Amino acid sequence: MPGRRLPSRCLSARQNLLRVCEQYLPGRYRIDVVDLLEDPRRAVYDQILAVPTLVRRLPLPVRKVVGDMSEAALLLAGMQLPPRKGDAT
């Protein structure tokens, strides 16, 4: 169904992820949003059991974070990125 709106949890996760990426990885990230209803094979390929899920492919190993991505410290830990000195995350 083209034009379908993303659930609010997914929108919040996307906004939170963008905020953290801009803060910690400005200009050094790429985000691909996949609608699993349109591409269910992707859920199987990435072994996604819940949404929203972040799949970080590079650098290896592949990492996954599930949830609304609202806790910056947990998101950074899940992506294996150290918080910057002096940050209150």
Protein backbone atom coordinates (compact mmCIF):
# COMPACT_ATOMS: atom_id res chain seq x y z
CA MET A 1 0.00 0.00 0.00
CA PRO A 2 1.98 3.00 -1.22
CA GLY A 3 1.57 6.10 0.87
CA ARG A 4 1.10 4.16 4.11
CA ARG A 5 2.28 6.08 7.16
CA LEU A 6 4.93 4.71 9.48
CA PRO A 7 3.81 3.89 13.03
CA SER A 8 4.66 6.63 15.53
CA ARG A 9 7.20 4.34 17.27
CA CYS A 10 9.07 3.97 14.00
CA LEU A 11 8.96 7.71 13.32
CA SER A 12 10.29 8.44 16.83
CA ALA A 13 13.07 5.88 16.38
CA ARG A 14 14.05 7.42 13.05
CA GLN A 15 14.13 10.95 14.50
CA ASN A 16 16.13 9.80 17.53
CA LEU A 17 18.58 7.90 15.34
CA LEU A 18 19.06 10.91 13.05
CA ARG A 19 19.70 13.16 16.06
CA VAL A 20 22.34 10.84 17.49
CA CYS A 21 24.00 10.28 14.09
CA GLU A 22 24.17 14.03 13.42
CA GLN A 23 25.64 14.61 16.86
CA TYR A 24 28.21 11.80 16.84
CA LEU A 25 28.77 10.99 13.14
CA PRO A 26 28.09 14.19 11.17
CA GLY A 27 28.40 13.43 7.45
CA ARG A 28 29.68 9.89 8.11
CA TYR A 29 26.53 7.78 8.09
CA ARG A 30 23.86 6.44 5.76
CA ILE A 31 20.40 5.37 6.87
CA ASP A 32 18.20 3.14 4.71
CA VAL A 33 14.61 2.80 5.89
CA VAL A 34 13.02 -0.51 4.88
CA ASP A 35 9.28 -1.20 5.02
CA LEU A 36 9.13 -4.86 5.98
CA LEU A 37 5.56 -5.16 4.75
CA GLU A 38 6.79 -4.23 1.27
CA ASP A 39 9.98 -6.30 1.53
CA PRO A 40 9.38 -9.18 3.99
CA ARG A 41 12.44 -11.05 2.71
CA ARG A 42 14.55 -8.32 4.29
CA ALA A 43 13.18 -9.24 7.72
CA VAL A 44 14.26 -12.83 7.15
CA TYR A 45 17.65 -11.82 5.77
CA ASP A 46 18.38 -9.44 8.67
CA GLN A 47 16.69 -11.74 11.23
CA ILE A 48 14.40 -8.93 12.41
CA LEU A 49 11.85 -10.08 14.97
CA ALA A 50 10.60 -6.68 16.20
CA VAL A 51 10.25 -3.16 14.87
CA PRO A 52 11.75 -0.67 14.92
CA THR A 53 15.15 -2.32 14.55
CA LEU A 54 18.43 -0.68 13.61
CA VAL A 55 20.86 -2.95 11.75
CA ARG A 56 24.36 -1.51 11.71
CA ARG A 57 26.36 -3.32 9.03
CA LEU A 58 29.70 -1.55 9.12
CA PRO A 59 32.12 -1.76 10.71
CA LEU A 60 31.82 -5.45 11.37
CA PRO A 61 30.45 -7.22 13.33
CA VAL A 62 26.85 -6.49 12.38
CA ARG A 63 24.98 -5.00 15.34
CA LYS A 64 21.23 -4.66 16.02
CA VAL A 65 19.38 -2.25 18.26
CA VAL A 66 15.63 -2.68 18.88
CA GLY A 67 13.35 0.03 20.23
CA ASP A 68 12.62 3.71 19.89
CA MET A 69 16.29 4.73 20.12
CA SER A 70 15.40 7.41 22.69
CA GLU A 71 18.28 6.58 25.07
CA ALA A 72 21.38 8.00 23.38
CA ALA A 73 23.77 6.11 25.68
CA LEU A 74 22.11 2.77 24.91
CA LEU A 75 22.02 3.53 21.20
CA LEU A 76 25.72 4.44 21.19
CA ALA A 77 26.56 1.27 23.11
CA GLY A 78 24.47 -0.81 20.72
CA MET A 79 26.28 0.72 17.75
CA GLN A 80 29.61 0.29 19.59
CA LEU A 81 30.32 4.03 19.56
CA PRO A 82 31.92 5.53 22.66
CA PRO A 83 30.25 8.64 24.06
CA ARG A 84 32.31 11.77 23.66
CA LYS A 85 34.05 13.11 26.74
CA GLY A 86 31.88 15.46 28.72
CA ASP A 87 28.62 14.24 27.15
CA ALA A 88 25.71 13.73 29.50
CA THR A 89 23.81 11.05 27.57
